Amino acid sequence: MSADHTEAFFHLALAFEKGFAADDWRVLEPQFADDVVWIVADMPDPIGGVHRGAKATLGAIAASCDAFDRCFDARAPRILEGPTPIPGGVHLTWVVTYRRTGLAPFELRGEEWDFFRDGKLELHRERMENLADGLEHVRKHDKALLPALKG
């Protein structure tokens, strides 16, 4: 089963990047179980919280990316470790490097646990190590960043 979960994770990750590039998160929906739960722990809205169901999850992903990721010219996600098979899913650590012309790059670090049922995401739990630093970076460089999108 773990190879199936790893493959499901890679399909999910590819759909996420396609959704981000096109700003059309509906491409993620086929990767979700009907009762998907998306959790970003210990973070303020719109980045954090618990979201249940595909519609709420897609809305949360869009709001988070609009409020943070799209303030930069570019983002480059990279897996540091994993995906490591765990019972029912995978665990991985990652870093996303954000760049904006005229500013030093910022690296957001985190980890996630993704659990799958029948090849579809059932539960995503994410924890970011240094989001407070990222929010401070955005606050400090507000005028040099792209404006956050307003839903």
Protein backbone atom coordinates (compact mmCIF):
# COMPACT_ATOMS: atom_id res chain seq x y z
CA MET A 1 0.00 0.00 0.00
CA SER A 2 2.77 2.50 0.78
CA ALA A 3 3.88 2.68 -2.87
CA ASP A 4 0.28 3.52 -3.77
CA HIS A 5 0.25 6.31 -1.16
CA THR A 6 3.53 7.71 -2.48
CA GLU A 7 2.15 7.71 -6.02
CA ALA A 8 -1.08 9.36 -4.81
CA PHE A 9 1.02 12.02 -3.07
CA PHE A 10 2.92 12.81 -6.27
CA HIS A 11 -0.36 13.14 -8.20
CA LEU A 12 -1.62 15.49 -5.50
CA ALA A 13 1.58 17.57 -5.51
CA LEU A 14 1.54 17.87 -9.31
CA ALA A 15 -2.11 18.93 -9.27
CA PHE A 16 -1.30 21.51 -6.57
CA GLU A 17 1.45 23.07 -8.68
CA LYS A 18 -0.80 23.07 -11.77
CA GLY A 19 -3.56 24.70 -9.74
CA PHE A 20 -1.19 27.36 -8.44
CA ALA A 21 0.22 28.12 -11.91
CA ALA A 22 -3.23 28.41 -13.48
CA ASP A 23 -4.86 29.96 -10.40
CA ASP A 24 -7.53 27.30 -10.84
CA TRP A 25 -7.69 25.05 -7.82
CA ARG A 26 -10.43 22.84 -9.27
CA VAL A 27 -7.66 20.64 -10.74
CA LEU A 28 -7.08 19.39 -7.18
CA GLU A 29 -10.64 18.21 -6.63
CA PRO A 30 -10.24 14.80 -8.35
CA GLN A 31 -7.40 14.08 -5.89
CA PHE A 32 -9.69 14.55 -2.86
CA ALA A 33 -11.92 12.06 -1.05
CA ASP A 34 -15.47 13.42 -0.67
CA ASP A 35 -14.86 14.00 3.04
CA VAL A 36 -11.32 15.42 2.78
CA VAL A 37 -10.00 17.29 5.81
CA TRP A 38 -7.22 19.90 5.36
CA ILE A 39 -5.46 21.11 8.51
CA VAL A 40 -2.80 23.76 8.79
CA ALA A 41 -1.85 23.70 12.46
CA ASP A 42 -1.22 26.68 14.73
CA MET A 43 -1.60 29.32 12.03
CA PRO A 44 -4.00 32.26 11.64
CA ASP A 45 -6.66 32.42 8.93
CA PRO A 46 -6.53 32.45 5.99
CA ILE A 47 -3.36 30.35 6.13
CA GLY A 48 -4.34 28.09 9.00
CA GLY A 49 -7.30 26.20 10.33
CA VAL A 50 -9.31 23.06 9.78
CA HIS A 51 -11.26 22.75 6.54
CA ARG A 52 -13.70 19.95 5.76
CA GLY A 53 -14.91 18.93 2.30
CA ALA A 54 -13.56 19.76 -1.13
CA LYS A 55 -15.19 23.19 -1.48
CA ALA A 56 -13.92 24.46 1.89
CA THR A 57 -10.48 22.96 1.28
CA LEU A 58 -10.12 24.51 -2.18
CA GLY A 59 -11.22 27.87 -0.77
CA ALA A 60 -8.69 27.64 2.05
CA ILE A 61 -5.86 26.76 -0.34
CA ALA A 62 -6.76 29.66 -2.64
CA ALA A 63 -7.04 32.13 0.25
CA SER A 64 -3.71 31.04 1.71
CA CYS A 65 -1.84 31.29 -1.59
CA ASP A 66 -3.50 34.61 -2.41
CA ALA A 67 -2.53 36.07 0.97
CA PHE A 68 1.07 34.87 0.99
CA ASP A 69 2.53 33.06 -2.05
CA ARG A 70 1.23 35.52 -4.64
CA CYS A 71 2.94 38.44 -2.87
CA PHE A 72 6.20 37.21 -4.42
CA ASP A 73 7.51 37.03 -7.99
CA ALA A 74 8.34 33.34 -7.69
CA ARG A 75 8.08 30.35 -5.39
CA ALA A 76 10.19 27.21 -5.60
CA PRO A 77 9.01 24.25 -3.50
CA ARG A 78 11.49 21.51 -2.68
CA ILE A 79 11.11 18.28 -0.72
CA LEU A 80 13.85 17.88 1.88
CA GLU A 81 12.96 14.40 3.16
CA GLY A 82 10.38 11.94 1.93
CA PRO A 83 7.79 11.27 1.05
CA THR A 84 8.31 8.59 3.68
CA PRO A 85 5.64 5.90 3.86
CA ILE A 86 3.69 5.81 7.12
CA PRO A 87 0.58 3.75 7.92
CA GLY A 88 -2.15 5.08 5.62
CA GLY A 89 -0.07 7.73 3.92
CA VAL A 90 3.18 9.64 3.70
CA HIS A 91 5.20 12.16 5.72
CA LEU A 92 7.60 14.71 4.28
CA THR A 93 9.56 17.82 5.16
CA TRP A 94 9.88 20.63 2.67
CA VAL A 95 11.07 24.15 2.02
CA VAL A 96 9.58 26.76 -0.29
CA THR A 97 11.87 29.56 -1.42
CA TYR A 98 10.05 32.81 -2.17
CA ARG A 99 11.66 35.50 -4.28
CA ARG A 100 10.80 39.12 -4.95
CA THR A 101 12.94 41.47 -7.01
CA GLY A 102 15.08 43.64 -4.74
CA LEU A 103 14.64 41.48 -1.65
CA ALA A 104 16.61 38.62 -0.17
CA PRO A 105 14.90 35.26 -0.73
CA PHE A 106 12.79 33.90 2.09
CA GLU A 107 12.62 30.17 2.88
CA LEU A 108 9.49 28.79 4.51
CA ARG A 109 10.09 25.39 6.13
CA GLY A 110 7.53 22.82 7.16
CA GLU A 111 6.32 19.27 7.23
CA GLU A 112 3.16 17.47 6.31
CA TRP A 113 1.33 14.23 6.76
CA ASP A 114 -0.97 13.10 3.95
CA PHE A 115 -3.35 10.16 4.37
CA PHE A 116 -5.10 8.51 1.44
CA ARG A 117 -8.11 6.27 0.91
CA ASP A 118 -8.56 4.56 -2.45
CA GLY A 119 -5.86 6.80 -3.95
CA LYS A 120 -7.54 10.04 -2.86
CA LEU A 121 -6.49 12.48 -0.16
CA GLU A 122 -8.49 11.89 3.00
CA LEU A 123 -6.49 13.98 5.50
CA HIS A 124 -3.74 16.57 5.12
CA ARG A 125 -2.02 17.98 8.20
CA GLU A 126 0.66 20.61 7.74
CA ARG A 127 2.89 22.42 10.19
CA MET A 128 5.15 25.29 9.25
CA GLU A 129 8.31 25.80 11.27
CA ASN A 130 8.85 29.46 10.62
CA LEU A 131 5.62 31.00 9.39
CA ALA A 132 5.93 33.76 12.00
CA ASP A 133 9.19 34.76 10.28
CA GLY A 134 7.41 34.67 6.91
CA LEU A 135 4.59 36.89 8.15
CA GLU A 136 7.17 39.28 9.61
CA HIS A 137 9.01 39.27 6.26
CA VAL A 138 5.75 40.20 4.50
CA ARG A 139 4.99 42.91 7.08
CA LYS A 140 8.51 44.35 6.94
CA HIS A 141 8.64 44.43 3.14
CA ASP A 142 4.96 45.14 2.50
CA LYS A 143 5.56 48.02 0.08
CA ALA A 144 8.09 46.02 -1.98
CA LEU A 145 5.85 42.97 -2.37
CA LEU A 146 3.07 42.37 -4.82
CA PRO A 147 -0.33 43.21 -3.35
CA ALA A 148 -2.13 40.28 -1.77
CA LEU A 149 -5.17 39.32 -3.81
CA LYS A 150 -8.55 40.17 -2.41
CA GLY A 151 -11.01 37.26 -2.87
